[in-house]
Amino acid sequence: MKKYLKEIIILIIQIFMFYIFPLFAGPTDAMGMVFLILVTTFILSIILASISKEKTKYLYPILVSIIFIPSVFIHYNSSALIHSLWYLVISIIGMLIGTIVNKLVKKLK
C-alpha cells in the first residue's frame, strides 16, 4: 500500500475533481468546469508519469475514464459520456509527456 502512495494520492485528487468540484459550480459554469477538469487531468497525468516509478501508473488513463462515468449520471446528463473518451485521450497524452520528462531528467543526472 505504501508502495503506491503517490499514485493513490493523485487518484484521490482526480476523484475530488470529478465528484466534489462540480458541486461548487453554478449552472452557467459548465463549459469552464469541463475545461478546468480536462486541464487538471492533463497536469495530474504528467505529474504521475514524472514521479512514479511503478508500472501501474500506465493504468491511470483507463481508471480516469472509468471513474468519470458514474459522475456523468450524478452531475451531468448522458450526453456527457463522450467526455470519458476525452479524459482517456488527455491522460494518455499527459502520461506520454510525463514519461518523456522523466527520461530527460534521468538522462541529465
PDB file of N, CA and C in Angstrom:
ATOM      1  N   MET A   1       0.824  -1.191   0.000  1.00  0.00           N
ATOM      2  CA  MET A   1       0.000   0.000   0.000  1.00  0.00           C
ATOM      3  C   MET A   1       0.867   1.254   0.000  1.00  0.00           C
ATOM      4  N   LYS A   2       1.907   1.251   0.844  1.00  0.00           N
ATOM      5  CA  LYS A   2       2.793   2.401   0.911  1.00  0.00           C
ATOM      6  C   LYS A   2       3.579   2.553  -0.389  1.00  0.00           C
ATOM      7  N   LYS A   3       3.729   1.455  -1.086  1.00  0.00           N
ATOM      8  CA  LYS A   3       4.446   1.446  -2.359  1.00  0.00           C
ATOM      9  C   LYS A   3       3.724   2.288  -3.403  1.00  0.00           C
ATOM     10  N   TYR A   4       2.411   2.335  -3.340  1.00  0.00           N
ATOM     11  CA  TYR A   4       1.597   3.046  -4.324  1.00  0.00           C
ATOM     12  C   TYR A   4       0.999   4.339  -3.777  1.00  0.00           C
ATOM     13  N   LEU A   5       1.607   4.929  -2.771  1.00  0.00           N
ATOM     14  CA  LEU A   5       1.041   6.103  -2.111  1.00  0.00           C
ATOM     15  C   LEU A   5       0.917   7.289  -3.064  1.00  0.00           C
ATOM     16  N   LYS A   6       1.932   7.543  -3.887  1.00  0.00           N
ATOM     17  CA  LYS A   6       1.872   8.668  -4.832  1.00  0.00           C
ATOM     18  C   LYS A   6       0.719   8.503  -5.815  1.00  0.00           C
ATOM     19  N   GLU A   7       0.568   7.308  -6.335  1.00  0.00           N
ATOM     20  CA  GLU A   7      -0.496   7.047  -7.303  1.00  0.00           C
ATOM     21  C   GLU A   7      -1.874   7.196  -6.666  1.00  0.00           C
ATOM     22  N   ILE A   8      -2.005   6.735  -5.428  1.00  0.00           N
ATOM     23  CA  ILE A   8      -3.284   6.820  -4.719  1.00  0.00           C
ATOM     24  C   ILE A   8      -3.647   8.274  -4.437  1.00  0.00           C
ATOM     25  N   ILE A   9      -2.673   9.081  -4.032  1.00  0.00           N
ATOM     26  CA  ILE A   9      -2.937  10.496  -3.747  1.00  0.00           C
ATOM     27  C   ILE A   9      -3.391  11.217  -5.008  1.00  0.00           C
ATOM     28  N   ILE A  10      -2.735  10.975  -6.126  1.00  0.00           N
ATOM     29  CA  ILE A  10      -3.123  11.620  -7.380  1.00  0.00           C
ATOM     30  C   ILE A  10      -4.503  11.145  -7.817  1.00  0.00           C
ATOM     31  N   LEU A  11      -4.809   9.885  -7.622  1.00  0.00           N
ATOM     32  CA  LEU A  11      -6.133   9.376  -7.970  1.00  0.00           C
ATOM     33  C   LEU A  11      -7.224   9.976  -7.076  1.00  0.00           C
ATOM     34  N   ILE A  12      -6.926  10.206  -5.816  1.00  0.00           N
ATOM     35  CA  ILE A  12      -7.879  10.853  -4.908  1.00  0.00           C
ATOM     36  C   ILE A  12      -8.137  12.298  -5.334  1.00  0.00           C
ATOM     37  N   ILE A  13      -7.083  12.993  -5.757  1.00  0.00           N
ATOM     38  CA  ILE A  13      -7.269  14.355  -6.265  1.00  0.00           C
ATOM     39  C   ILE A  13      -8.160  14.336  -7.503  1.00  0.00           C
ATOM     40  N   GLN A  14      -7.946  13.349  -8.379  1.00  0.00           N
ATOM     41  CA  GLN A  14      -8.760  13.233  -9.589  1.00  0.00           C
ATOM     42  C   GLN A  14     -10.222  12.948  -9.239  1.00  0.00           C
ATOM     43  N   ILE A  15     -10.448  12.077  -8.291  1.00  0.00           N
ATOM     44  CA  ILE A  15     -11.820  11.776  -7.858  1.00  0.00           C
ATOM     45  C   ILE A  15     -12.473  13.029  -7.276  1.00  0.00           C
ATOM     46  N   PHE A  16     -11.718  13.805  -6.502  1.00  0.00           N
ATOM     47  CA  PHE A  16     -12.227  15.065  -5.972  1.00  0.00           C
ATOM     48  C   PHE A  16     -12.672  15.982  -7.109  1.00  0.00           C
ATOM     49  N   MET A  17     -11.878  16.058  -8.164  1.00  0.00           N
ATOM     50  CA  MET A  17     -12.223  16.924  -9.295  1.00  0.00           C
ATOM     51  C   MET A  17     -13.482  16.441 -10.014  1.00  0.00           C
ATOM     52  N   PHE A  18     -13.703  15.149 -10.066  1.00  0.00           N
ATOM     53  CA  PHE A  18     -14.872  14.617 -10.768  1.00  0.00           C
ATOM     54  C   PHE A  18     -16.153  14.711  -9.947  1.00  0.00           C
ATOM     55  N   TYR A  19     -16.066  14.507  -8.642  1.00  0.00           N
ATOM     56  CA  TYR A  19     -17.271  14.372  -7.833  1.00  0.00           C
ATOM     57  C   TYR A  19     -17.565  15.558  -6.912  1.00  0.00           C
ATOM     58  N   ILE A  20     -16.549  16.181  -6.351  1.00  0.00           N
ATOM     59  CA  ILE A  20     -16.761  17.262  -5.394  1.00  0.00           C
ATOM     60  C   ILE A  20     -16.764  18.625  -6.081  1.00  0.00           C
ATOM     61  N   PHE A  21     -15.839  18.851  -6.996  1.00  0.00           N
ATOM     62  CA  PHE A  21     -15.727  20.142  -7.661  1.00  0.00           C
ATOM     63  C   PHE A  21     -17.011  20.575  -8.378  1.00  0.00           C
ATOM     64  N   PRO A  22     -17.719  19.692  -9.083  1.00  0.00           N
ATOM     65  CA  PRO A  22     -18.961  20.135  -9.745  1.00  0.00           C
ATOM     66  C   PRO A  22     -20.049  20.617  -8.784  1.00  0.00           C
ATOM     67  N   LEU A  23     -19.969  20.252  -7.524  1.00  0.00           N
ATOM     68  CA  LEU A  23     -20.959  20.723  -6.552  1.00  0.00           C
ATOM     69  C   LEU A  23     -20.868  22.230  -6.340  1.00  0.00           C
ATOM     70  N   PHE A  24     -19.679  22.803  -6.567  1.00  0.00           N
ATOM     71  CA  PHE A  24     -19.463  24.221  -6.324  1.00  0.00           C
ATOM     72  C   PHE A  24     -19.635  25.077  -7.576  1.00  0.00           C
ATOM     73  N   ALA A  25     -19.831  24.456  -8.721  1.00  0.00           N
ATOM     74  CA  ALA A  25     -20.004  25.201  -9.965  1.00  0.00           C
ATOM     75  C   ALA A  25     -21.479  25.504 -10.187  1.00  0.00           C
ATOM     76  N   GLY A  26     -21.747  26.668 -10.701  1.00  0.00           N
ATOM     77  CA  GLY A  26     -23.120  27.050 -10.996  1.00  0.00           C
ATOM     78  C   GLY A  26     -23.582  26.445 -12.315  1.00  0.00           C
ATOM     79  N   PRO A  27     -24.836  26.606 -12.647  1.00  0.00           N
ATOM     80  CA  PRO A  27     -25.365  26.012 -13.880  1.00  0.00           C
ATOM     81  C   PRO A  27     -24.770  26.629 -15.149  1.00  0.00           C
ATOM     82  N   THR A  28     -24.319  27.866 -15.080  1.00  0.00           N
ATOM     83  CA  THR A  28     -23.747  28.504 -16.265  1.00  0.00           C
ATOM     84  C   THR A  28     -22.250  28.255 -16.401  1.00  0.00           C
ATOM     85  N   ASP A  29     -21.649  27.636 -15.431  1.00  0.00           N
ATOM     86  CA  ASP A  29     -20.205  27.407 -15.445  1.00  0.00           C
ATOM     87  C   ASP A  29     -19.827  26.046 -16.007  1.00  0.00           C
ATOM     88  N   ALA A  30     -20.701  25.387 -16.718  1.00  0.00           N
ATOM     89  CA  ALA A  30     -20.474  24.005 -17.143  1.00  0.00           C
ATOM     90  C   ALA A  30     -19.259  23.869 -18.066  1.00  0.00           C
ATOM     91  N   MET A  31     -19.146  24.702 -19.085  1.00  0.00           N
ATOM     92  CA  MET A  31     -18.024  24.576 -20.019  1.00  0.00           C
ATOM     93  C   MET A  31     -16.697  24.918 -19.356  1.00  0.00           C
ATOM     94  N   GLY A  32     -16.705  25.928 -18.521  1.00  0.00           N
ATOM     95  CA  GLY A  32     -15.490  26.275 -17.794  1.00  0.00           C
ATOM     96  C   GLY A  32     -15.067  25.161 -16.858  1.00  0.00           C
ATOM     97  N   MET A  33     -16.043  24.530 -16.239  1.00  0.00           N
ATOM     98  CA  MET A  33     -15.744  23.428 -15.330  1.00  0.00           C
ATOM     99  C   MET A  33     -15.168  22.233 -16.093  1.00  0.00           C
ATOM    100  N   VAL A  34     -15.755  21.909 -17.242  1.00  0.00           N
ATOM    101  CA  VAL A  34     -15.248  20.797 -18.046  1.00  0.00           C
ATOM    102  C   VAL A  34     -13.823  21.088 -18.487  1.00  0.00           C
ATOM    103  N   PHE A  35     -13.562  22.320 -18.910  1.00  0.00           N
ATOM    104  CA  PHE A  35     -12.210  22.694 -19.321  1.00  0.00           C
ATOM    105  C   PHE A  35     -11.230  22.594 -18.159  1.00  0.00           C
ATOM    106  N   LEU A  36     -11.640  23.072 -16.990  1.00  0.00           N
ATOM    107  CA  LEU A  36     -10.771  23.008 -15.817  1.00  0.00           C
ATOM    108  C   LEU A  36     -10.467  21.564 -15.419  1.00  0.00           C
ATOM    109  N   ILE A  37     -11.448  20.706 -15.492  1.00  0.00           N
ATOM    110  CA  ILE A  37     -11.224  19.297 -15.158  1.00  0.00           C
ATOM    111  C   ILE A  37     -10.330  18.635 -16.197  1.00  0.00           C
ATOM    112  N   LEU A  38     -10.470  19.006 -17.470  1.00  0.00           N
ATOM    113  CA  LEU A  38      -9.583  18.468 -18.507  1.00  0.00           C
ATOM    114  C   LEU A  38      -8.141  18.894 -18.267  1.00  0.00           C
ATOM    115  N   VAL A  39      -7.940  20.163 -17.945  1.00  0.00           N
ATOM    116  CA  VAL A  39      -6.586  20.657 -17.673  1.00  0.00           C
ATOM    117  C   VAL A  39      -6.008  19.984 -16.436  1.00  0.00           C
ATOM    118  N   THR A  40      -6.828  19.827 -15.410  1.00  0.00           N
ATOM    119  CA  THR A  40      -6.364  19.157 -14.196  1.00  0.00           C
ATOM    120  C   THR A  40      -5.981  17.705 -14.473  1.00  0.00           C
ATOM    121  N   THR A  41      -6.767  17.017 -15.282  1.00  0.00           N
ATOM    122  CA  THR A  41      -6.450  15.637 -15.645  1.00  0.00           C
ATOM    123  C   THR A  41      -5.125  15.572 -16.393  1.00  0.00           C
ATOM    124  N   PHE A  42      -4.917  16.505 -17.294  1.00  0.00           N
ATOM    125  CA  PHE A  42      -3.674  16.567 -18.056  1.00  0.00           C
ATOM    126  C   PHE A  42      -2.476  16.787 -17.135  1.00  0.00           C
ATOM    127  N   ILE A  43      -2.594  17.747 -16.223  1.00  0.00           N
ATOM    128  CA  ILE A  43      -1.497  18.057 -15.307  1.00  0.00           C
ATOM    129  C   ILE A  43      -1.240  16.897 -14.342  1.00  0.00           C
ATOM    130  N   LEU A  44      -2.298  16.301 -13.812  1.00  0.00           N
ATOM    131  CA  LEU A  44      -2.115  15.171 -12.895  1.00  0.00           C
ATOM    132  C   LEU A  44      -1.467  13.974 -13.583  1.00  0.00           C
ATOM    133  N   SER A  45      -1.801  13.739 -14.836  1.00  0.00           N
ATOM    134  CA  SER A  45      -1.187  12.616 -15.543  1.00  0.00           C
ATOM    135  C   SER A  45       0.283  12.887 -15.830  1.00  0.00           C
ATOM    136  N   ILE A  46       0.639  14.144 -16.124  1.00  0.00           N
ATOM    137  CA  ILE A  46       2.057  14.490 -16.300  1.00  0.00           C
ATOM    138  C   ILE A  46       2.811  14.287 -14.992  1.00  0.00           C
ATOM    139  N   ILE A  47       2.228  14.751 -13.899  1.00  0.00           N
ATOM    140  CA  ILE A  47       2.872  14.596 -12.589  1.00  0.00           C
ATOM    141  C   ILE A  47       3.035  13.122 -12.244  1.00  0.00           C
ATOM    142  N   LEU A  48       1.995  12.336 -12.456  1.00  0.00           N
ATOM    143  CA  LEU A  48       2.055  10.917 -12.125  1.00  0.00           C
ATOM    144  C   LEU A  48       3.140  10.216 -12.928  1.00  0.00           C
ATOM    145  N   ALA A  49       3.205  10.494 -14.214  1.00  0.00           N
ATOM    146  CA  ALA A  49       4.211   9.845 -15.041  1.00  0.00           C
ATOM    147  C   ALA A  49       5.619  10.308 -14.687  1.00  0.00           C
ATOM    148  N   SER A  50       5.746  11.528 -14.202  1.00  0.00           N
ATOM    149  CA  SER A  50       7.059  12.061 -13.857  1.00  0.00           C
ATOM    150  C   SER A  50       7.586  11.518 -12.541  1.00  0.00           C
ATOM    151  N   ILE A  51       6.714  11.335 -11.547  1.00  0.00           N
ATOM    152  CA  ILE A  51       7.205  10.985 -10.213  1.00  0.00           C
ATOM    153  C   ILE A  51       7.090   9.503  -9.878  1.00  0.00           C
ATOM    154  N   SER A  52       6.250   8.783 -10.575  1.00  0.00           N
ATOM    155  CA  SER A  52       6.030   7.388 -10.218  1.00  0.00           C
ATOM    156  C   SER A  52       7.024   6.476 -10.923  1.00  0.00           C
ATOM    157  N   LYS A  53       7.486   5.509 -10.193  1.00  0.00           N
ATOM    158  CA  LYS A  53       8.398   4.531 -10.770  1.00  0.00           C
ATOM    159  C   LYS A  53       7.729   3.167 -10.936  1.00  0.00           C
ATOM    160  N   GLU A  54       6.457   3.094 -10.598  1.00  0.00           N
ATOM    161  CA  GLU A  54       5.707   1.844 -10.678  1.00  0.00           C
ATOM    162  C   GLU A  54       5.100   1.661 -12.064  1.00  0.00           C
ATOM    163  N   LYS A  55       4.973   0.432 -12.484  1.00  0.00           N
ATOM    164  CA  LYS A  55       4.371   0.133 -13.787  1.00  0.00           C
ATOM    165  C   LYS A  55       2.852   0.319 -13.784  1.00  0.00           C
ATOM    166  N   THR A  56       2.252   0.340 -12.609  1.00  0.00           N
ATOM    167  CA  THR A  56       0.797   0.505 -12.534  1.00  0.00           C
ATOM    168  C   THR A  56       0.349   1.902 -12.942  1.00  0.00           C
ATOM    169  N   LYS A  57       1.278   2.836 -13.056  1.00  0.00           N
ATOM    170  CA  LYS A  57       0.892   4.190 -13.462  1.00  0.00           C
ATOM    171  C   LYS A  57       0.285   4.208 -14.858  1.00  0.00           C
ATOM    172  N   TYR A  58       0.577   3.212 -15.658  1.00  0.00           N
ATOM    173  CA  TYR A  58       0.038   3.172 -17.008  1.00  0.00           C
ATOM    174  C   TYR A  58      -1.434   2.767 -17.042  1.00  0.00           C
ATOM    175  N   LEU A  59      -1.976   2.360 -15.920  1.00  0.00           N
ATOM    176  CA  LEU A  59      -3.410   2.092 -15.809  1.00  0.00           C
ATOM    177  C   LEU A  59      -4.203   3.365 -15.509  1.00  0.00           C
ATOM    178  N   TYR A  60      -3.501   4.429 -15.169  1.00  0.00           N
ATOM    179  CA  TYR A  60      -4.150   5.678 -14.786  1.00  0.00           C
ATOM    180  C   TYR A  60      -5.127   6.210 -15.838  1.00  0.00           C
ATOM    181  N   PRO A  61      -4.771   6.272 -17.122  1.00  0.00           N
ATOM    182  CA  PRO A  61      -5.755   6.781 -18.100  1.00  0.00           C
ATOM    183  C   PRO A  61      -7.050   5.971 -18.147  1.00  0.00           C
ATOM    184  N   ILE A  62      -6.946   4.666 -18.027  1.00  0.00           N
ATOM    185  CA  ILE A  62      -8.141   3.824 -18.046  1.00  0.00           C
ATOM    186  C   ILE A  62      -8.967   4.052 -16.782  1.00  0.00           C
ATOM    187  N   LEU A  63      -8.295   4.157 -15.641  1.00  0.00           N
ATOM    188  CA  LEU A  63      -9.004   4.415 -14.385  1.00  0.00           C
ATOM    189  C   LEU A  63      -9.724   5.753 -14.413  1.00  0.00           C
ATOM    190  N   VAL A  64      -9.080   6.766 -14.974  1.00  0.00           N
ATOM    191  CA  VAL A  64      -9.693   8.094 -15.034  1.00  0.00           C
ATOM    192  C   VAL A  64     -10.974   8.053 -15.849  1.00  0.00           C
ATOM    193  N   SER A  65     -10.929   7.402 -16.997  1.00  0.00           N
ATOM    194  CA  SER A  65     -12.141   7.369 -17.828  1.00  0.00           C
ATOM    195  C   SER A  65     -13.242   6.534 -17.184  1.00  0.00           C
ATOM    196  N   ILE A  66     -12.887   5.481 -16.474  1.00  0.00           N
ATOM    197  CA  ILE A  66     -13.893   4.661 -15.795  1.00  0.00           C
ATOM    198  C   ILE A  66     -14.471   5.393 -14.581  1.00  0.00           C
ATOM    199  N   ILE A  67     -13.619   6.091 -13.841  1.00  0.00           N
ATOM    200  CA  ILE A  67     -14.083   6.815 -12.655  1.00  0.00           C
ATOM    201  C   ILE A  67     -15.011   7.962 -13.046  1.00  0.00           C
ATOM    202  N   PHE A  68     -14.814   8.528 -14.224  1.00  0.00           N
ATOM    203  CA  PHE A  68     -15.662   9.641 -14.647  1.00  0.00           C
ATOM    204  C   PHE A  68     -17.092   9.201 -14.972  1.00  0.00           C
ATOM    205  N   ILE A  69     -17.286   7.994 -15.436  1.00  0.00           N
ATOM    206  CA  ILE A  69     -18.599   7.544 -15.914  1.00  0.00           C
ATOM    207  C   ILE A  69     -19.709   7.675 -14.859  1.00  0.00           C
ATOM    208  N   PRO A  70     -19.522   7.256 -13.607  1.00  0.00           N
ATOM    209  CA  PRO A  70     -20.610   7.465 -12.638  1.00  0.00           C
ATOM    210  C   PRO A  70     -20.923   8.939 -12.365  1.00  0.00           C
ATOM    211  N   SER A  71     -19.911   9.812 -12.484  1.00  0.00           N
ATOM    212  CA  SER A  71     -20.164  11.238 -12.253  1.00  0.00           C
ATOM    213  C   SER A  71     -21.045  11.840 -13.345  1.00  0.00           C
ATOM    214  N   VAL A  72     -21.068  11.214 -14.513  1.00  0.00           N
ATOM    215  CA  VAL A  72     -21.951  11.686 -15.586  1.00  0.00           C
ATOM    216  C   VAL A  72     -23.399  11.581 -15.134  1.00  0.00           C
ATOM    217  N   PHE A  73     -23.744  10.490 -14.506  1.00  0.00           N
ATOM    218  CA  PHE A  73     -25.124  10.277 -14.083  1.00  0.00           C
ATOM    219  C   PHE A  73     -25.466  11.036 -12.802  1.00  0.00           C
ATOM    220  N   ILE A  74     -24.454  11.457 -12.054  1.00  0.00           N
ATOM    221  CA  ILE A  74     -24.685  12.231 -10.836  1.00  0.00           C
ATOM    222  C   ILE A  74     -24.815  13.720 -11.140  1.00  0.00           C
ATOM    223  N   HIS A  75     -23.885  14.263 -11.937  1.00  0.00           N
ATOM    224  CA  HIS A  75     -23.814  15.710 -12.137  1.00  0.00           C
ATOM    225  C   HIS A  75     -24.258  16.189 -13.520  1.00  0.00           C
ATOM    226  N   TYR A  76     -24.213  15.344 -14.507  1.00  0.00           N
ATOM    227  CA  TYR A  76     -24.467  15.775 -15.885  1.00  0.00           C
ATOM    228  C   TYR A  76     -25.610  14.941 -16.465  1.00  0.00           C
ATOM    229  N   ASN A  77     -25.780  15.024 -17.785  1.00  0.00           N
ATOM    230  CA  ASN A  77     -26.734  14.138 -18.451  1.00  0.00           C
ATOM    231  C   ASN A  77     -25.954  13.150 -19.318  1.00  0.00           C
ATOM    232  N   SER A  78     -26.642  12.240 -19.949  1.00  0.00           N
ATOM    233  CA  SER A  78     -25.961  11.160 -20.671  1.00  0.00           C
ATOM    234  C   SER A  78     -25.166  11.646 -21.881  1.00  0.00           C
ATOM    235  N   SER A  79     -25.403  12.850 -22.337  1.00  0.00           N
ATOM    236  CA  SER A  79     -24.615  13.367 -23.456  1.00  0.00           C
ATOM    237  C   SER A  79     -23.172  13.648 -23.055  1.00  0.00           C
ATOM    238  N   ALA A  80     -22.882  13.677 -21.767  1.00  0.00           N
ATOM    239  CA  ALA A  80     -21.524  13.925 -21.294  1.00  0.00           C
ATOM    240  C   ALA A  80     -20.677  12.650 -21.242  1.00  0.00           C
ATOM    241  N   LEU A  81     -21.240  11.516 -21.623  1.00  0.00           N
ATOM    242  CA  LEU A  81     -20.458  10.272 -21.623  1.00  0.00           C
ATOM    243  C   LEU A  81     -19.266  10.338 -22.571  1.00  0.00           C
ATOM    244  N   ILE A  82     -19.370  11.131 -23.626  1.00  0.00           N
ATOM    245  CA  ILE A  82     -18.269  11.259 -24.577  1.00  0.00           C
ATOM    246  C   ILE A  82     -17.033  11.856 -23.913  1.00  0.00           C
ATOM    247  N   HIS A  83     -17.245  12.611 -22.835  1.00  0.00           N
ATOM    248  CA  HIS A  83     -16.106  13.211 -22.141  1.00  0.00           C
ATOM    249  C   HIS A  83     -15.192  12.166 -21.521  1.00  0.00           C
ATOM    250  N   SER A  84     -15.701  10.984 -21.227  1.00  0.00           N
ATOM    251  CA  SER A  84     -14.829   9.931 -20.687  1.00  0.00           C
ATOM    252  C   SER A  84     -13.752   9.567 -21.701  1.00  0.00           C
ATOM    253  N   LEU A  85     -14.081   9.614 -22.981  1.00  0.00           N
ATOM    254  CA  LEU A  85     -13.054   9.378 -24.005  1.00  0.00           C
ATOM    255  C   LEU A  85     -12.044  10.515 -24.045  1.00  0.00           C
ATOM    256  N   TRP A  86     -12.531  11.741 -23.867  1.00  0.00           N
ATOM    257  CA  TRP A  86     -11.608  12.873 -23.832  1.00  0.00           C
ATOM    258  C   TRP A  86     -10.645  12.756 -22.650  1.00  0.00           C
ATOM    259  N   TYR A  87     -11.156  12.338 -21.506  1.00  0.00           N
ATOM    260  CA  TYR A  87     -10.288  12.168 -20.345  1.00  0.00           C
ATOM    261  C   TYR A  87      -9.268  11.056 -20.588  1.00  0.00           C
ATOM    262  N   LEU A  88      -9.674  10.017 -21.283  1.00  0.00           N
ATOM    263  CA  LEU A  88      -8.747   8.942 -21.631  1.00  0.00           C
ATOM    264  C   LEU A  88      -7.637   9.468 -22.530  1.00  0.00           C
ATOM    265  N   VAL A  89      -8.015  10.183 -23.568  1.00  0.00           N
ATOM    266  CA  VAL A  89      -7.019  10.706 -24.521  1.00  0.00           C
ATOM    267  C   VAL A  89      -6.099  11.723 -23.855  1.00  0.00           C
ATOM    268  N   ILE A  90      -6.675  12.653 -23.102  1.00  0.00           N
ATOM    269  CA  ILE A  90      -5.876  13.687 -22.436  1.00  0.00           C
ATOM    270  C   ILE A  90      -4.904  13.064 -21.440  1.00  0.00           C
ATOM    271  N   SER A  91      -5.350  12.077 -20.695  1.00  0.00           N
ATOM    272  CA  SER A  91      -4.455  11.469 -19.705  1.00  0.00           C
ATOM    273  C   SER A  91      -3.386  10.614 -20.380  1.00  0.00           C
ATOM    274  N   ILE A  92      -3.676  10.011 -21.516  1.00  0.00           N
ATOM    275  CA  ILE A  92      -2.639   9.277 -22.262  1.00  0.00           C
ATOM    276  C   ILE A  92      -1.579  10.241 -22.767  1.00  0.00           C
ATOM    277  N   ILE A  93      -2.012  11.372 -23.313  1.00  0.00           N
ATOM    278  CA  ILE A  93      -1.053  12.371 -23.790  1.00  0.00           C
ATOM    279  C   ILE A  93      -0.215  12.902 -22.627  1.00  0.00           C
ATOM    280  N   GLY A  94      -0.852  13.165 -21.497  1.00  0.00           N
ATOM    281  CA  GLY A  94      -0.121  13.615 -20.312  1.00  0.00           C
ATOM    282  C   GLY A  94       0.865  12.582 -19.816  1.00  0.00           C
ATOM    283  N   MET A  95       0.469  11.310 -19.853  1.00  0.00           N
ATOM    284  CA  MET A  95       1.387  10.241 -19.436  1.00  0.00           C
ATOM    285  C   MET A  95       2.598  10.176 -20.370  1.00  0.00           C
ATOM    286  N   LEU A  96       2.373  10.349 -21.663  1.00  0.00           N
ATOM    287  CA  LEU A  96       3.487  10.342 -22.609  1.00  0.00           C
ATOM    288  C   LEU A  96       4.437  11.505 -22.357  1.00  0.00           C
ATOM    289  N   ILE A  97       3.888  12.690 -22.141  1.00  0.00           N
ATOM    290  CA  ILE A  97       4.722  13.854 -21.855  1.00  0.00           C
ATOM    291  C   ILE A  97       5.474  13.670 -20.541  1.00  0.00           C
ATOM    292  N   GLY A  98       4.800  13.183 -19.519  1.00  0.00           N
ATOM    293  CA  GLY A  98       5.454  12.941 -18.232  1.00  0.00           C
ATOM    294  C   GLY A  98       6.542  11.893 -18.311  1.00  0.00           C
ATOM    295  N   THR A  99       6.325  10.858 -19.123  1.00  0.00           N
ATOM    296  CA  THR A  99       7.352   9.826 -19.297  1.00  0.00           C
ATOM    297  C   THR A  99       8.570  10.405 -20.004  1.00  0.00           C
ATOM    298  N   ILE A 100       8.339  11.240 -20.999  1.00  0.00           N
ATOM    299  CA  ILE A 100       9.451  11.880 -21.698  1.00  0.00           C
ATOM    300  C   ILE A 100      10.225  12.797 -20.758  1.00  0.00           C
ATOM    301  N   VAL A 101       9.507  13.571 -19.940  1.00  0.00           N
ATOM    302  CA  VAL A 101      10.158  14.440 -18.961  1.00  0.00           C
ATOM    303  C   VAL A 101      10.969  13.609 -17.979  1.00  0.00           C
ATOM    304  N   ASN A 102      10.417  12.508 -17.512  1.00  0.00           N
ATOM    305  CA  ASN A 102      11.115  11.629 -16.571  1.00  0.00           C
ATOM    306  C   ASN A 102      12.394  11.081 -17.195  1.00  0.00           C
ATOM    307  N   LYS A 103      12.338  10.656 -18.452  1.00  0.00           N
ATOM    308  CA  LYS A 103      13.528  10.116 -19.126  1.00  0.00           C
ATOM    309  C   LYS A 103      14.576  11.204 -19.330  1.00  0.00           C
ATOM    310  N   LEU A 104      14.143  12.429 -19.681  1.00  0.00           N
ATOM    311  CA  LEU A 104      15.090  13.525 -19.861  1.00  0.00           C
ATOM    312  C   LEU A 104      15.783  13.887 -18.558  1.00  0.00           C
ATOM    313  N   VAL A 105      15.030  13.907 -17.472  1.00  0.00           N
ATOM    314  CA  VAL A 105      15.623  14.223 -16.169  1.00  0.00           C
ATOM    315  C   VAL A 105      16.619  13.140 -15.775  1.00  0.00           C
ATOM    316  N   LYS A 106      16.286  11.871 -16.015  1.00  0.00           N
ATOM    317  CA  LYS A 106      17.221  10.797 -15.698  1.00  0.00           C
ATOM    318  C   LYS A 106      18.481  10.890 -16.540  1.00  0.00           C
ATOM    319  N   LYS A 107      18.308  11.309 -17.799  1.00  0.00           N
ATOM    320  CA  LYS A 107      19.450  11.427 -18.698  1.00  0.00           C
ATOM    321  C   LYS A 107      20.384  12.560 -18.258  1.00  0.00           C
ATOM    322  N   LEU A 108      19.817  13.640 -17.736  1.00  0.00           N
ATOM    323  CA  LEU A 108      20.617  14.775 -17.297  1.00  0.00           C
ATOM    324  C   LEU A 108      21.372  14.491 -16.009  1.00  0.00           C
ATOM    325  N   LYS A 109      20.902  13.539 -15.223  1.00  0.00           N
ATOM    326  CA  LYS A 109      21.563  13.205 -13.953  1.00  0.00           C
ATOM    327  C   LYS A 109      22.741  12.372 -14.174  1.00  0.00           C
TER     328      LYS A 109
END
